Amino acid sequence: MILLACLLATVSAVAWLLPRLPEAWNPFAPIDLAGPVGPFTRHKLRALAGDPAACFAALDSAGVAATPLPDGSAAPDCPLRATTRLPGAFDPARPLLTCPMAAAWTVYERQVLAPAAERHLGTGIARVRHLGTLACRDVRGGTRRSQHASANAIDLAALRLEDGREVSILRDWGRDTPAGAFLRDARDGACRIFAAVLGPARDVAHANHFHLDLGRWSACQ
């Protein structure tokens, strides 16, 4: 009876507490892409893969004009599901991404990249240069499919700042400079949002970019 009473008290306390928690700290609240990053953000982003309607609704609520694209495939074994062309200042423009990756990028850009640029470099980000999102292939040196095969990844190479400067991962990673400090924060912040973050600390194949994805495998390197 004592154990049952303790259990009921715990359940009641949780039921009272959950609605009062901020979204970022409530594992059951729908994700707010404009809100702060919390301990459940990555879990919620990955869960959007099973609910495309909720994913596109979250993007719309965050003011991101992301139109769902018809399902298809880049090749017979590279299916494309719930994808969109992400608007914004990208080079190349309008990268193709799964909806959850588009949602994750929205959080990353607003909650990590923009604040880190202001903090370390005193300016905002004008343009993002990436090395691609879709490539129907296996992971390098492996036999399982890359997250790029389904547009569930993006390779971030450089950022053009509003004052005209460019921060390049190839040139600025590991340097004891404001740009180097910015990139360290950009990598560390990415690890709170994406499943896998692979950069120059991983290997020479990632010397010029951060690979960001929302796959099943987790890494922060």
Protein backbone atom coordinates (compact mmCIF):
# COMPACT_ATOMS: atom_id res chain seq x y z
CA MET A 1 0.00 0.00 0.00
CA ILE A 2 2.84 2.40 0.80
CA LEU A 3 4.49 1.69 -2.54
CA LEU A 4 1.18 2.19 -4.35
CA ALA A 5 0.62 5.49 -2.56
CA CYS A 6 4.11 6.66 -3.51
CA LEU A 7 3.51 5.68 -7.12
CA LEU A 8 0.20 7.53 -7.27
CA ALA A 9 1.80 10.58 -5.70
CA THR A 10 4.60 10.49 -8.27
CA VAL A 11 2.16 10.17 -11.17
CA SER A 12 0.09 13.05 -9.81
CA ALA A 13 3.18 15.21 -9.40
CA VAL A 14 4.30 14.49 -12.97
CA ALA A 15 0.80 15.18 -14.33
CA TRP A 16 0.79 18.51 -12.48
CA LEU A 17 4.31 19.46 -13.53
CA LEU A 18 4.39 18.59 -17.26
CA PRO A 19 1.90 21.24 -18.48
CA ARG A 20 3.87 23.87 -16.58
CA LEU A 21 7.25 22.99 -18.07
CA PRO A 22 8.68 25.07 -20.95
CA GLU A 23 8.35 23.24 -24.29
CA ALA A 24 12.09 22.59 -24.47
CA TRP A 25 11.95 20.68 -21.17
CA ASN A 26 8.66 18.85 -21.75
CA PRO A 27 9.24 15.59 -23.66
CA PHE A 28 5.57 15.40 -24.69
CA ALA A 29 5.01 18.96 -25.90
CA PRO A 30 5.06 19.59 -29.67
CA ILE A 31 8.34 21.10 -30.80
CA ASP A 32 8.59 24.86 -31.20
CA LEU A 33 11.24 25.61 -33.83
CA ALA A 34 11.46 29.20 -32.62
CA GLY A 35 12.07 28.19 -29.02
CA PRO A 36 15.29 27.41 -27.17
CA VAL A 37 17.16 24.12 -27.49
CA GLY A 38 16.52 21.69 -24.64
CA PRO A 39 17.33 18.12 -23.65
CA PHE A 40 14.50 16.72 -25.79
CA THR A 41 15.00 18.84 -28.91
CA ARG A 42 16.92 16.23 -30.88
CA HIS A 43 14.46 13.49 -29.92
CA LYS A 44 11.53 15.62 -31.05
CA LEU A 45 13.21 16.46 -34.35
CA ARG A 46 13.91 12.82 -35.13
CA ALA A 47 10.33 11.91 -34.19
CA LEU A 48 9.04 14.28 -36.89
CA ALA A 49 10.13 11.70 -39.48
CA GLY A 50 7.09 9.67 -38.46
CA ASP A 51 4.67 12.59 -38.70
CA PRO A 52 5.28 14.70 -41.85
CA ALA A 53 2.11 16.72 -41.30
CA ALA A 54 3.30 17.82 -37.86
CA CYS A 55 6.74 18.54 -39.29
CA PHE A 56 5.49 20.87 -42.01
CA ALA A 57 3.10 22.48 -39.51
CA ALA A 58 6.07 23.21 -37.22
CA LEU A 59 7.96 24.84 -40.09
CA ASP A 60 4.92 26.92 -40.99
CA SER A 61 4.50 28.04 -37.36
CA ALA A 62 8.14 29.13 -37.38
CA GLY A 63 7.57 31.23 -40.51
CA VAL A 64 9.47 28.92 -42.87
CA ALA A 65 7.81 28.62 -46.27
CA ALA A 66 8.62 24.97 -46.96
CA THR A 67 6.36 23.28 -49.51
CA PRO A 68 6.12 19.47 -49.35
CA LEU A 69 7.47 17.76 -52.45
CA PRO A 70 6.03 14.57 -53.97
CA ASP A 71 7.67 11.40 -52.70
CA GLY A 72 10.07 9.78 -55.13
CA SER A 73 13.60 8.48 -55.32
CA ALA A 74 17.03 9.54 -56.44
CA ALA A 75 17.55 5.91 -57.51
CA PRO A 76 15.69 2.64 -56.81
CA ASP A 77 17.37 2.24 -53.41
CA CYS A 78 17.47 5.93 -52.43
CA PRO A 79 13.87 6.88 -51.53
CA LEU A 80 12.92 10.48 -50.91
CA ARG A 81 10.09 10.94 -48.42
CA ALA A 82 8.61 14.15 -46.98
CA THR A 83 11.22 16.40 -48.56
CA THR A 84 11.22 20.11 -49.28
CA ARG A 85 13.37 22.85 -50.77
CA LEU A 86 14.56 24.90 -47.82
CA PRO A 87 14.30 28.65 -48.48
CA GLY A 88 16.90 31.09 -47.23
CA ALA A 89 20.30 32.46 -48.17
CA PHE A 90 22.04 29.28 -49.28
CA ASP A 91 24.71 28.68 -51.89
CA PRO A 92 23.72 26.56 -53.78
CA ALA A 93 20.20 27.87 -53.31
CA ARG A 94 17.18 25.97 -51.95
CA PRO A 95 18.84 22.75 -50.79
CA LEU A 96 16.71 19.61 -50.89
CA LEU A 97 16.19 18.20 -47.38
CA THR A 98 13.83 15.96 -45.49
CA CYS A 99 11.32 17.93 -43.48
CA PRO A 100 12.92 16.94 -40.14
CA MET A 101 16.31 18.12 -41.40
CA ALA A 102 14.77 21.38 -42.57
CA ALA A 103 13.28 21.76 -39.10
CA ALA A 104 16.61 20.93 -37.45
CA TRP A 105 18.42 23.46 -39.62
CA THR A 106 15.87 26.11 -38.68
CA VAL A 107 16.57 25.53 -34.98
CA TYR A 108 20.32 25.40 -35.60
CA GLU A 109 20.44 28.60 -37.59
CA ARG A 110 18.33 30.58 -35.14
CA GLN A 111 19.48 29.17 -31.81
CA VAL A 112 23.14 28.35 -32.49
CA LEU A 113 24.66 29.96 -35.58
CA ALA A 114 23.14 33.43 -35.33
CA PRO A 115 23.84 33.94 -31.59
CA ALA A 116 27.38 32.53 -31.92
CA ALA A 117 28.16 34.86 -34.84
CA GLU A 118 27.00 37.89 -32.85
CA ARG A 119 28.90 36.74 -29.77
CA HIS A 120 32.25 36.00 -31.40
CA LEU A 121 32.22 38.08 -34.58
CA GLY A 122 29.91 40.97 -33.79
CA THR A 123 27.74 40.54 -36.85
CA GLY A 124 25.05 38.36 -38.39
CA ILE A 125 25.15 35.67 -41.05
CA ALA A 126 24.26 36.70 -44.58
CA ARG A 127 24.72 33.46 -46.52
CA VAL A 128 25.44 29.78 -45.96
CA ARG A 129 27.67 27.80 -48.32
CA HIS A 130 27.15 24.05 -48.34
CA LEU A 131 28.57 21.11 -50.27
CA GLY A 132 25.29 19.35 -50.92
CA THR A 133 22.49 17.38 -49.34
CA LEU A 134 21.56 14.56 -51.74
CA ALA A 135 23.98 11.86 -52.92
CA CYS A 136 22.76 8.32 -53.54
CA ARG A 137 25.70 6.44 -52.03
CA ASP A 138 26.98 4.46 -49.06
CA VAL A 139 28.95 6.04 -46.25
CA ARG A 140 32.61 6.41 -47.15
CA GLY A 141 34.44 3.17 -46.48
CA GLY A 142 31.25 1.39 -45.38
CA THR A 143 28.34 -0.64 -46.67
CA ARG A 144 25.34 1.12 -45.12
CA ARG A 145 23.56 3.92 -46.90
CA SER A 146 24.64 7.48 -46.18
CA GLN A 147 22.02 9.87 -44.81
CA HIS A 148 22.78 11.89 -47.93
CA ALA A 149 21.11 9.11 -49.93
CA SER A 150 17.73 10.29 -48.65
CA ALA A 151 18.53 14.04 -48.32
CA ASN A 152 18.63 13.64 -44.55
CA ALA A 153 21.98 15.44 -44.24
CA ILE A 154 23.75 18.66 -45.19
CA ASP A 155 27.46 19.46 -45.43
CA LEU A 156 28.16 22.96 -44.10
CA ALA A 157 31.34 24.46 -45.57
CA ALA A 158 31.41 28.20 -44.90
CA LEU A 159 29.38 31.22 -43.82
CA ARG A 160 29.37 34.68 -45.34
CA LEU A 161 28.89 37.34 -42.67
CA GLU A 162 26.84 40.51 -43.00
CA ASP A 163 30.01 42.62 -42.90
CA GLY A 164 31.45 40.76 -45.90
CA ARG A 165 33.85 38.42 -44.11
CA GLU A 166 33.72 34.67 -44.68
CA VAL A 167 34.27 31.98 -42.07
CA SER A 168 35.54 28.78 -43.68
CA ILE A 169 35.75 25.46 -41.88
CA LEU A 170 38.76 24.45 -43.97
CA ARG A 171 40.66 27.65 -43.13
CA ASP A 172 39.38 28.66 -39.70
CA TRP A 173 38.73 25.43 -37.79
CA GLY A 174 41.13 24.94 -34.89
CA ARG A 175 42.55 28.47 -35.00
CA ASP A 176 42.82 30.61 -31.88
CA THR A 177 40.80 33.41 -33.43
CA PRO A 178 37.23 34.74 -33.13
CA ALA A 179 36.35 32.75 -36.25
CA GLY A 180 37.83 29.61 -34.71
CA ALA A 181 35.89 30.16 -31.48
CA PHE A 182 32.72 30.70 -33.49
CA LEU A 183 33.21 27.39 -35.30
CA ARG A 184 33.81 25.53 -32.03
CA ASP A 185 30.51 26.86 -30.70
CA ALA A 186 28.85 26.03 -34.02
CA ARG A 187 30.05 22.42 -33.78
CA ASP A 188 29.18 22.02 -30.10
CA GLY A 189 25.73 23.54 -30.63
CA ALA A 190 25.09 21.26 -33.59
CA CYS A 191 25.67 18.25 -31.37
CA ARG A 192 22.66 19.26 -29.26
CA ILE A 193 20.38 19.29 -32.32
CA PHE A 194 21.54 16.80 -34.94
CA ALA A 195 22.12 13.08 -34.50
CA ALA A 196 25.52 12.98 -36.20
CA VAL A 197 27.96 15.88 -36.42
CA LEU A 198 31.22 15.09 -38.22
CA GLY A 199 33.90 17.71 -38.85
CA PRO A 200 37.67 18.11 -39.12
CA ALA A 201 38.12 16.40 -35.75
CA ARG A 202 36.68 13.25 -37.33
CA ASP A 203 39.03 12.67 -40.28
CA VAL A 204 40.55 14.27 -43.35
CA ALA A 205 37.41 13.56 -45.39
CA HIS A 206 35.62 16.16 -43.25
CA ALA A 207 38.44 18.71 -43.19
CA ASN A 208 36.42 21.28 -45.13
CA HIS A 209 32.92 20.85 -43.73
CA PHE A 210 30.59 19.86 -40.92
CA HIS A 211 28.42 16.90 -41.87
CA LEU A 212 25.06 17.24 -40.10
CA ASP A 213 22.34 14.59 -40.20
CA LEU A 214 19.34 13.16 -38.35
CA GLY A 215 19.99 9.46 -38.86
CA ARG A 216 19.97 6.56 -36.42
CA TRP A 217 23.67 6.80 -35.55
CA SER A 218 24.85 9.43 -33.08
CA ALA A 219 28.25 11.11 -33.13
CA CYS A 220 29.78 14.43 -32.15
CA GLN A 221 33.22 14.83 -33.70
